[in-house]
Amino acid sequence: MILEIATFDIKENAQTAFMEAFQEAQLVVSKAKGFVGLECQHCIEIPTKFVVLIHWETLEDHTIGFRESPLFTQWRALLSPHFQNPPVAEHFQTINKTEFTNEKSN
């Protein structure tokens, strides 16, 4: 599985409009072959910054299957009016994963 991390720099005072557009955009990307799931994070220190974490089955599912499809055109049409700068997308592969539990003793 591949993790795409996309960083979005949104226009000043356009955060609410971006979040509303993102609700529709996530339905678009969810139809793509190889899409596994996504999570959107809003930066506390920089209110115009968002990070979207998208899991894909393969790198090509994103870079070719989605990016070269009409779904990508729809995705960009919904989100790009709110961009201050073009988004930056990078891809990551898990090399180690550890989960911790916080068990409290009674």
C-alpha atoms as a PDB file:
ATOM      1  CA  MET A   1       0.000   0.000   0.000  1.00  0.00           C
ATOM      2  CA  ILE A   2       1.156   3.531  -0.824  1.00  0.00           C
ATOM      3  CA  LEU A   3       0.494   6.683   1.198  1.00  0.00           C
ATOM      4  CA  GLU A   4       0.138   9.909  -0.744  1.00  0.00           C
ATOM      5  CA  ILE A   5       0.658  13.007   1.385  1.00  0.00           C
ATOM      6  CA  ALA A   6      -0.698  16.102  -0.354  1.00  0.00           C
ATOM      7  CA  THR A   7      -0.102  19.521   1.175  1.00  0.00           C
ATOM      8  CA  PHE A   8      -2.551  22.274   0.255  1.00  0.00           C
ATOM      9  CA  ASP A   9      -1.858  25.993   0.701  1.00  0.00           C
ATOM     10  CA  ILE A  10      -5.296  27.614   0.654  1.00  0.00           C
ATOM     11  CA  LYS A  11      -6.141  31.268  -0.027  1.00  0.00           C
ATOM     12  CA  GLU A  12      -6.626  33.486   3.012  1.00  0.00           C
ATOM     13  CA  ASN A  13     -10.261  33.377   4.204  1.00  0.00           C
ATOM     14  CA  ALA A  14     -11.074  30.450   1.874  1.00  0.00           C
ATOM     15  CA  GLN A  15     -10.682  27.648   4.439  1.00  0.00           C
ATOM     16  CA  THR A  16     -14.423  27.116   4.939  1.00  0.00           C
ATOM     17  CA  ALA A  17     -15.085  27.067   1.191  1.00  0.00           C
ATOM     18  CA  PHE A  18     -12.204  24.610   0.721  1.00  0.00           C
ATOM     19  CA  MET A  19     -13.557  22.297   3.428  1.00  0.00           C
ATOM     20  CA  GLU A  20     -17.008  22.375   1.829  1.00  0.00           C
ATOM     21  CA  ALA A  21     -15.542  21.599  -1.606  1.00  0.00           C
ATOM     22  CA  PHE A  22     -13.438  18.836  -0.080  1.00  0.00           C
ATOM     23  CA  GLN A  23     -16.590  17.045   1.110  1.00  0.00           C
ATOM     24  CA  GLU A  24     -17.619  16.611  -2.521  1.00  0.00           C
ATOM     25  CA  ALA A  25     -14.061  16.018  -3.794  1.00  0.00           C
ATOM     26  CA  GLN A  26     -13.523  13.074  -1.448  1.00  0.00           C
ATOM     27  CA  LEU A  27     -16.537  11.340  -2.997  1.00  0.00           C
ATOM     28  CA  VAL A  28     -14.937  11.830  -6.424  1.00  0.00           C
ATOM     29  CA  VAL A  29     -11.527  10.372  -5.485  1.00  0.00           C
ATOM     30  CA  SER A  30     -13.177   7.486  -3.635  1.00  0.00           C
ATOM     31  CA  LYS A  31     -14.410   6.164  -7.017  1.00  0.00           C
ATOM     32  CA  ALA A  32     -10.859   5.757  -8.348  1.00  0.00           C
ATOM     33  CA  LYS A  33      -9.403   2.282  -8.902  1.00  0.00           C
ATOM     34  CA  GLY A  34      -6.991   1.417  -6.111  1.00  0.00           C
ATOM     35  CA  PHE A  35      -8.312   4.049  -3.688  1.00  0.00           C
ATOM     36  CA  VAL A  36      -8.236   2.679  -0.132  1.00  0.00           C
ATOM     37  CA  GLY A  37      -9.131   5.660   2.062  1.00  0.00           C
ATOM     38  CA  LEU A  38      -8.250   9.200   3.048  1.00  0.00           C
ATOM     39  CA  GLU A  39      -7.898  11.589   5.949  1.00  0.00           C
ATOM     40  CA  CYS A  40      -7.789  15.388   5.861  1.00  0.00           C
ATOM     41  CA  GLN A  41      -5.894  17.361   8.508  1.00  0.00           C
ATOM     42  CA  HIS A  42      -6.098  21.134   9.159  1.00  0.00           C
ATOM     43  CA  CYS A  43      -2.966  22.829  10.512  1.00  0.00           C
ATOM     44  CA  ILE A  44      -3.402  24.553  13.875  1.00  0.00           C
ATOM     45  CA  GLU A  45      -0.464  26.956  13.540  1.00  0.00           C
ATOM     46  CA  ILE A  46      -1.044  27.867   9.867  1.00  0.00           C
ATOM     47  CA  PRO A  47      -4.817  28.063   9.256  1.00  0.00           C
ATOM     48  CA  THR A  48      -4.412  28.129   5.460  1.00  0.00           C
ATOM     49  CA  LYS A  49      -2.546  24.790   5.421  1.00  0.00           C
ATOM     50  CA  PHE A  50      -4.194  21.397   4.960  1.00  0.00           C
ATOM     51  CA  VAL A  51      -2.682  17.944   4.581  1.00  0.00           C
ATOM     52  CA  VAL A  52      -4.550  15.103   2.906  1.00  0.00           C
ATOM     53  CA  LEU A  53      -3.396  11.528   3.479  1.00  0.00           C
ATOM     54  CA  ILE A  54      -4.634   9.175   0.773  1.00  0.00           C
ATOM     55  CA  HIS A  55      -3.962   5.436   0.771  1.00  0.00           C
ATOM     56  CA  TRP A  56      -3.642   3.749  -2.618  1.00  0.00           C
ATOM     57  CA  GLU A  57      -3.149   0.070  -3.450  1.00  0.00           C
ATOM     58  CA  THR A  58      -0.258   0.956  -5.802  1.00  0.00           C
ATOM     59  CA  LEU A  59       1.669   4.062  -6.826  1.00  0.00           C
ATOM     60  CA  GLU A  60       0.352   3.697 -10.368  1.00  0.00           C
ATOM     61  CA  ASP A  61      -3.254   3.720  -9.102  1.00  0.00           C
ATOM     62  CA  HIS A  62      -2.609   7.339  -8.166  1.00  0.00           C
ATOM     63  CA  THR A  63      -0.033   8.575 -10.664  1.00  0.00           C
ATOM     64  CA  ILE A  64      -1.584   6.986 -13.742  1.00  0.00           C
ATOM     65  CA  GLY A  65      -5.034   5.595 -12.929  1.00  0.00           C
ATOM     66  CA  PHE A  66      -6.358   8.622 -11.040  1.00  0.00           C
ATOM     67  CA  ARG A  67      -4.185  11.486 -12.326  1.00  0.00           C
ATOM     68  CA  GLU A  68      -4.906  10.604 -15.965  1.00  0.00           C
ATOM     69  CA  SER A  69      -8.650  10.100 -15.471  1.00  0.00           C
ATOM     70  CA  PRO A  70     -11.727  12.334 -15.691  1.00  0.00           C
ATOM     71  CA  LEU A  71     -12.064  11.883 -11.909  1.00  0.00           C
ATOM     72  CA  PHE A  72      -8.871  13.909 -11.415  1.00  0.00           C
ATOM     73  CA  THR A  73     -10.311  16.674 -13.592  1.00  0.00           C
ATOM     74  CA  GLN A  74     -13.399  16.757 -11.355  1.00  0.00           C
ATOM     75  CA  TRP A  75     -11.241  16.684  -8.189  1.00  0.00           C
ATOM     76  CA  ARG A  76      -9.132  19.633  -9.369  1.00  0.00           C
ATOM     77  CA  ALA A  77     -12.163  21.622 -10.555  1.00  0.00           C
ATOM     78  CA  LEU A  78     -13.656  21.402  -7.075  1.00  0.00           C
ATOM     79  CA  LEU A  79     -10.500  22.231  -5.123  1.00  0.00           C
ATOM     80  CA  SER A  80      -8.254  24.417  -7.297  1.00  0.00           C
ATOM     81  CA  PRO A  81     -10.285  27.655  -6.975  1.00  0.00           C
ATOM     82  CA  HIS A  82      -9.174  27.695  -3.328  1.00  0.00           C
ATOM     83  CA  PHE A  83      -5.429  27.112  -3.896  1.00  0.00           C
ATOM     84  CA  GLN A  84      -2.983  29.880  -3.045  1.00  0.00           C
ATOM     85  CA  ASN A  85      -0.200  27.753  -4.572  1.00  0.00           C
ATOM     86  CA  PRO A  86      -0.200  24.427  -6.401  1.00  0.00           C
ATOM     87  CA  PRO A  87      -0.413  21.444  -4.011  1.00  0.00           C
ATOM     88  CA  VAL A  88       2.615  19.300  -3.288  1.00  0.00           C
ATOM     89  CA  ALA A  89       2.071  15.518  -3.410  1.00  0.00           C
ATOM     90  CA  GLU A  90       4.597  12.944  -2.219  1.00  0.00           C
ATOM     91  CA  HIS A  91       4.333   9.170  -1.943  1.00  0.00           C
ATOM     92  CA  PHE A  92       5.474   7.000   0.950  1.00  0.00           C
ATOM     93  CA  GLN A  93       5.803   3.296   1.615  1.00  0.00           C
ATOM     94  CA  THR A  94       5.602   1.811   5.107  1.00  0.00           C
ATOM     95  CA  ILE A  95       8.830   0.270   6.365  1.00  0.00           C
ATOM     96  CA  ASN A  96       7.790  -0.118   9.991  1.00  0.00           C
ATOM     97  CA  LYS A  97       4.562   0.283  11.920  1.00  0.00           C
ATOM     98  CA  THR A  98       4.139   0.093  15.668  1.00  0.00           C
ATOM     99  CA  GLU A  99       0.906   0.692  17.519  1.00  0.00           C
ATOM    100  CA  PHE A 100       0.853   1.568  21.181  1.00  0.00           C
ATOM    101  CA  THR A 101      -2.009   1.275  23.604  1.00  0.00           C
ATOM    102  CA  ASN A 102      -2.436   3.458  26.625  1.00  0.00           C
ATOM    103  CA  GLU A 103      -3.703   1.061  29.266  1.00  0.00           C
ATOM    104  CA  LYS A 104      -4.451   2.589  32.643  1.00  0.00           C
ATOM    105  CA  SER A 105      -4.200   0.451  35.760  1.00  0.00           C
ATOM    106  CA  ASN A 106      -6.909   0.603  38.333  1.00  0.00           C
END
